[in-house]
C-alpha atoms as a PDB file:
ATOM      1  CA  MET A   1      82.375  90.975 110.747  1.00  0.00           C
ATOM      2  CA  ILE A   2      86.025  91.948 111.296  1.00  0.00           C
ATOM      3  CA  ILE A   3      87.185  88.665 109.783  1.00  0.00           C
ATOM      4  CA  ARG A   4      84.801  89.038 106.834  1.00  0.00           C
ATOM      5  CA  PHE A   5      86.111  92.549 106.153  1.00  0.00           C
ATOM      6  CA  PHE A   6      89.647  91.216 106.398  1.00  0.00           C
ATOM      7  CA  TYR A   7      89.091  88.733 103.579  1.00  0.00           C
ATOM      8  CA  GLU A   8      86.837  90.937 101.456  1.00  0.00           C
ATOM      9  CA  GLY A   9      89.129  93.963 101.669  1.00  0.00           C
ATOM     10  CA  GLY A  10      92.237  92.026 100.691  1.00  0.00           C
ATOM     11  CA  ALA A  11      94.458  90.268 103.173  1.00  0.00           C
ATOM     12  CA  PHE A  12      97.618  92.272 102.522  1.00  0.00           C
ATOM     13  CA  PHE A  13      96.265  95.804 102.905  1.00  0.00           C
ATOM     14  CA  MET A  14      93.761  94.868 105.590  1.00  0.00           C
ATOM     15  CA  SER A  15      96.482  93.223 107.690  1.00  0.00           C
ATOM     16  CA  LEU A  16      98.483  96.454 107.496  1.00  0.00           C
ATOM     17  CA  VAL A  17      95.424  98.490 108.510  1.00  0.00           C
ATOM     18  CA  TYR A  18      94.704  96.104 111.398  1.00  0.00           C
ATOM     19  CA  LEU A  19      98.329  96.411 112.525  1.00  0.00           C
ATOM     20  CA  MET A  20      97.795 100.174 112.700  1.00  0.00           C
ATOM     21  CA  TRP A  21      94.748  99.558 114.933  1.00  0.00           C
ATOM     22  CA  ILE A  22      96.929  97.511 117.279  1.00  0.00           C
ATOM     23  CA  ALA A  23      99.628 100.196 117.238  1.00  0.00           C
ATOM     24  CA  VAL A  24      97.168 103.002 118.044  1.00  0.00           C
ATOM     25  CA  PHE A  25      95.574 101.196 120.952  1.00  0.00           C
ATOM     26  CA  THR A  26      98.949 100.042 122.286  1.00  0.00           C
ATOM     27  CA  LEU A  27     100.194 103.632 122.180  1.00  0.00           C
ATOM     28  CA  ALA A  28      97.000 104.841 123.874  1.00  0.00           C
ATOM     29  CA  VAL A  29      97.594 102.403 126.733  1.00  0.00           C
ATOM     30  CA  ARG A  30     101.243 103.501 126.893  1.00  0.00           C
ATOM     31  CA  PHE A  31     100.148 107.143 127.100  1.00  0.00           C
ATOM     32  CA  VAL A  32      97.810 106.386 130.001  1.00  0.00           C
ATOM     33  CA  ILE A  33     100.562 104.508 131.833  1.00  0.00           C
ATOM     34  CA  LEU A  34     103.057 107.336 131.266  1.00  0.00           C
ATOM     35  CA  TYR A  35     100.484 109.948 132.259  1.00  0.00           C
ATOM     36  CA  ARG A  36      99.575 108.169 135.499  1.00  0.00           C
ATOM     37  CA  SER A  37     103.215 107.792 136.505  1.00  0.00           C
ATOM     38  CA  ASN A  38     103.985 111.455 135.719  1.00  0.00           C
ATOM     39  CA  LYS A  39     106.754 110.545 133.317  1.00  0.00           C
ATOM     40  CA  ASN A  40     108.656 112.781 130.958  1.00  0.00           C
ATOM     41  CA  PRO A  41     106.368 115.234 129.095  1.00  0.00           C
ATOM     42  CA  GLN A  42     108.442 114.729 125.931  1.00  0.00           C
ATOM     43  CA  LYS A  43     107.599 111.009 125.962  1.00  0.00           C
ATOM     44  CA  LEU A  44     103.947 111.887 126.429  1.00  0.00           C
ATOM     45  CA  LYS A  45     104.047 114.246 123.454  1.00  0.00           C
ATOM     46  CA  ARG A  46     105.856 111.743 121.215  1.00  0.00           C
ATOM     47  CA  THR A  47     103.459 108.967 122.191  1.00  0.00           C
ATOM     48  CA  ASN A  48     100.453 111.169 121.559  1.00  0.00           C
ATOM     49  CA  ASP A  49     101.776 112.347 118.197  1.00  0.00           C
ATOM     50  CA  SER A  50     102.460 108.730 117.242  1.00  0.00           C
ATOM     51  CA  ILE A  51      98.812 107.892 117.869  1.00  0.00           C
ATOM     52  CA  LEU A  52      97.733 110.441 115.278  1.00  0.00           C
ATOM     53  CA  PHE A  53     100.470 109.362 112.857  1.00  0.00           C
ATOM     54  CA  PHE A  54      99.494 105.686 112.889  1.00  0.00           C
ATOM     55  CA  GLY A  55      95.810 106.556 112.563  1.00  0.00           C
ATOM     56  CA  SER A  56      96.424 108.707 109.500  1.00  0.00           C
ATOM     57  CA  PHE A  57      98.839 106.133 108.090  1.00  0.00           C
ATOM     58  CA  ALA A  58      96.093 103.486 108.330  1.00  0.00           C
ATOM     59  CA  PHE A  59      93.856 105.668 106.185  1.00  0.00           C
ATOM     60  CA  LEU A  60      96.644 106.159 103.632  1.00  0.00           C
ATOM     61  CA  ILE A  61      97.255 102.413 103.498  1.00  0.00           C
ATOM     62  CA  GLY A  62      93.540 101.903 102.901  1.00  0.00           C
ATOM     63  CA  ILE A  63      93.518 104.434 100.065  1.00  0.00           C
ATOM     64  CA  THR A  64      96.559 102.731  98.529  1.00  0.00           C
ATOM     65  CA  GLY A  65      94.787  99.376  98.736  1.00  0.00           C
ATOM     66  CA  GLN A  66      91.755 100.908  97.075  1.00  0.00           C
ATOM     67  CA  MET A  67      93.833 102.267  94.200  1.00  0.00           C
ATOM     68  CA  VAL A  68      95.522  98.906  93.664  1.00  0.00           C
ATOM     69  CA  GLY A  69      92.130  97.181  93.712  1.00  0.00           C
ATOM     70  CA  LEU A  70      90.611  99.647  91.266  1.00  0.00           C
ATOM     71  CA  VAL A  71      93.488  99.272  88.832  1.00  0.00           C
ATOM     72  CA  ALA A  72      93.137  95.484  88.961  1.00  0.00           C
ATOM     73  CA  ALA A  73      89.359  95.703  88.538  1.00  0.00           C
ATOM     74  CA  PHE A  74      89.614  98.046  85.571  1.00  0.00           C
ATOM     75  CA  ASP A  75      92.160  95.747  83.947  1.00  0.00           C
ATOM     76  CA  ILE A  76      89.682  92.879  84.219  1.00  0.00           C
ATOM     77  CA  VAL A  77      86.848  95.038  82.852  1.00  0.00           C
ATOM     78  CA  ARG A  78      89.043  96.011  79.915  1.00  0.00           C
ATOM     79  CA  LYS A  79      89.950  92.385  79.194  1.00  0.00           C
ATOM     80  CA  VAL A  80      86.417  91.023  79.505  1.00  0.00           C
ATOM     81  CA  GLY A  81      84.707  93.878  77.690  1.00  0.00           C
ATOM     82  CA  ASN A  82      81.127  95.105  77.937  1.00  0.00           C
ATOM     83  CA  ALA A  83      79.543  91.695  77.417  1.00  0.00           C
ATOM     84  CA  GLY A  84      80.924  90.140  80.609  1.00  0.00           C
ATOM     85  CA  VAL A  85      80.544  93.074  82.997  1.00  0.00           C
ATOM     86  CA  THR A  86      77.181  93.545  84.641  1.00  0.00           C
ATOM     87  CA  PRO A  87      76.321  96.427  86.970  1.00  0.00           C
ATOM     88  CA  GLN A  88      76.049  93.936  89.856  1.00  0.00           C
ATOM     89  CA  TYR A  89      79.632  92.752  89.357  1.00  0.00           C
ATOM     90  CA  LEU A  90      80.869  96.287  89.028  1.00  0.00           C
ATOM     91  CA  ALA A  91      79.036  97.415  92.178  1.00  0.00           C
ATOM     92  CA  GLY A  92      80.345  94.400  94.097  1.00  0.00           C
ATOM     93  CA  GLY A  93      83.905  95.138  93.028  1.00  0.00           C
ATOM     94  CA  LEU A  94      83.612  98.808  93.932  1.00  0.00           C
ATOM     95  CA  LYS A  95      82.202  97.883  97.341  1.00  0.00           C
ATOM     96  CA  VAL A  96      85.235  95.703  98.017  1.00  0.00           C
ATOM     97  CA  THR A  97      87.626  98.542  97.149  1.00  0.00           C
ATOM     98  CA  PHE A  98      86.042 100.769  99.778  1.00  0.00           C
ATOM     99  CA  ILE A  99      86.530  98.372 102.722  1.00  0.00           C
ATOM    100  CA  ALA A 100      90.201  99.098 103.506  1.00  0.00           C
ATOM    101  CA  PRO A 101      89.827 102.909 103.296  1.00  0.00           C
ATOM    102  CA  LEU A 102      86.685 102.749 105.426  1.00  0.00           C
ATOM    103  CA  ILE A 103      88.377 100.770 108.199  1.00  0.00           C
ATOM    104  CA  GLY A 104      91.426 103.057 107.928  1.00  0.00           C
ATOM    105  CA  LEU A 105      89.221 106.159 108.082  1.00  0.00           C
ATOM    106  CA  LEU A 106      87.465 104.857 111.186  1.00  0.00           C
ATOM    107  CA  LEU A 107      90.835 104.392 112.863  1.00  0.00           C
ATOM    108  CA  PHE A 108      91.936 107.844 111.746  1.00  0.00           C
ATOM    109  CA  MET A 109      88.832 109.404 113.302  1.00  0.00           C
ATOM    110  CA  ILE A 110      89.259 107.439 116.528  1.00  0.00           C
ATOM    111  CA  SER A 111      92.969 108.270 116.735  1.00  0.00           C
ATOM    112  CA  ALA A 112      92.230 111.966 116.122  1.00  0.00           C
ATOM    113  CA  ILE A 113      89.756 111.951 119.002  1.00  0.00           C
ATOM    114  CA  ILE A 114      92.220 110.103 121.256  1.00  0.00           C
ATOM    115  CA  TRP A 115      94.999 112.501 120.236  1.00  0.00           C
ATOM    116  CA  PHE A 116      92.809 115.539 120.982  1.00  0.00           C
ATOM    117  CA  VAL A 117      91.705 114.240 124.385  1.00  0.00           C
ATOM    118  CA  PHE A 118      95.235 113.240 125.383  1.00  0.00           C
ATOM    119  CA  ARG A 119      96.660 116.544 124.155  1.00  0.00           C
ATOM    120  CA  ASN A 120      94.236 118.460 126.340  1.00  0.00           C
ATOM    121  CA  LEU A 121      94.882 116.089 129.229  1.00  0.00           C
ATOM    122  CA  LYS A 122      98.625 116.642 128.879  1.00  0.00           C
ATOM    123  CA  GLN A 123      98.192 120.424 128.714  1.00  0.00           C
ATOM    124  CA  THR A 124      95.916 120.432 131.744  1.00  0.00           C
ATOM    125  CA  SER A 125      98.427 118.330 133.643  1.00  0.00           C
ATOM    126  CA  HIS A 126     101.248 120.650 132.611  1.00  0.00           C
ATOM    127  CA  LEU A 127      99.294 123.690 133.868  1.00  0.00           C
ATOM    128  CA  GLN A 128      98.604 122.028 137.203  1.00  0.00           C
ATOM    129  CA  ASP A 129     102.298 121.207 137.678  1.00  0.00           C
ATOM    130  CA  SER A 130     103.275 124.867 137.237  1.00  0.00           C
END
């Protein structure tokens, strides 16, 4: 399913979105490692903020991919005209344009949850140290 979405959503934008997934989960692991070793709270904060940044950036990349896809699709519709465009083709093309934003939005939601949990974990840890 992930590979199918990769090809259907467009290799360029989907590869960027998938790179954001890797970045978010790598940063989440880094946060856990830093948290367990009681490292610098500034590094924890930067790592946690980066998780939210890359998650939101994935969504923005997906939206950009959707806009590029829609512009290309509308150019084709304009060239072909009414005779060559059926509702099935149009619906199929619109479905494809929603894949990258959907995958990006899922990452954004997951990264927001991770960010929230880690933020509260960091604050709880900071209170216990005091």
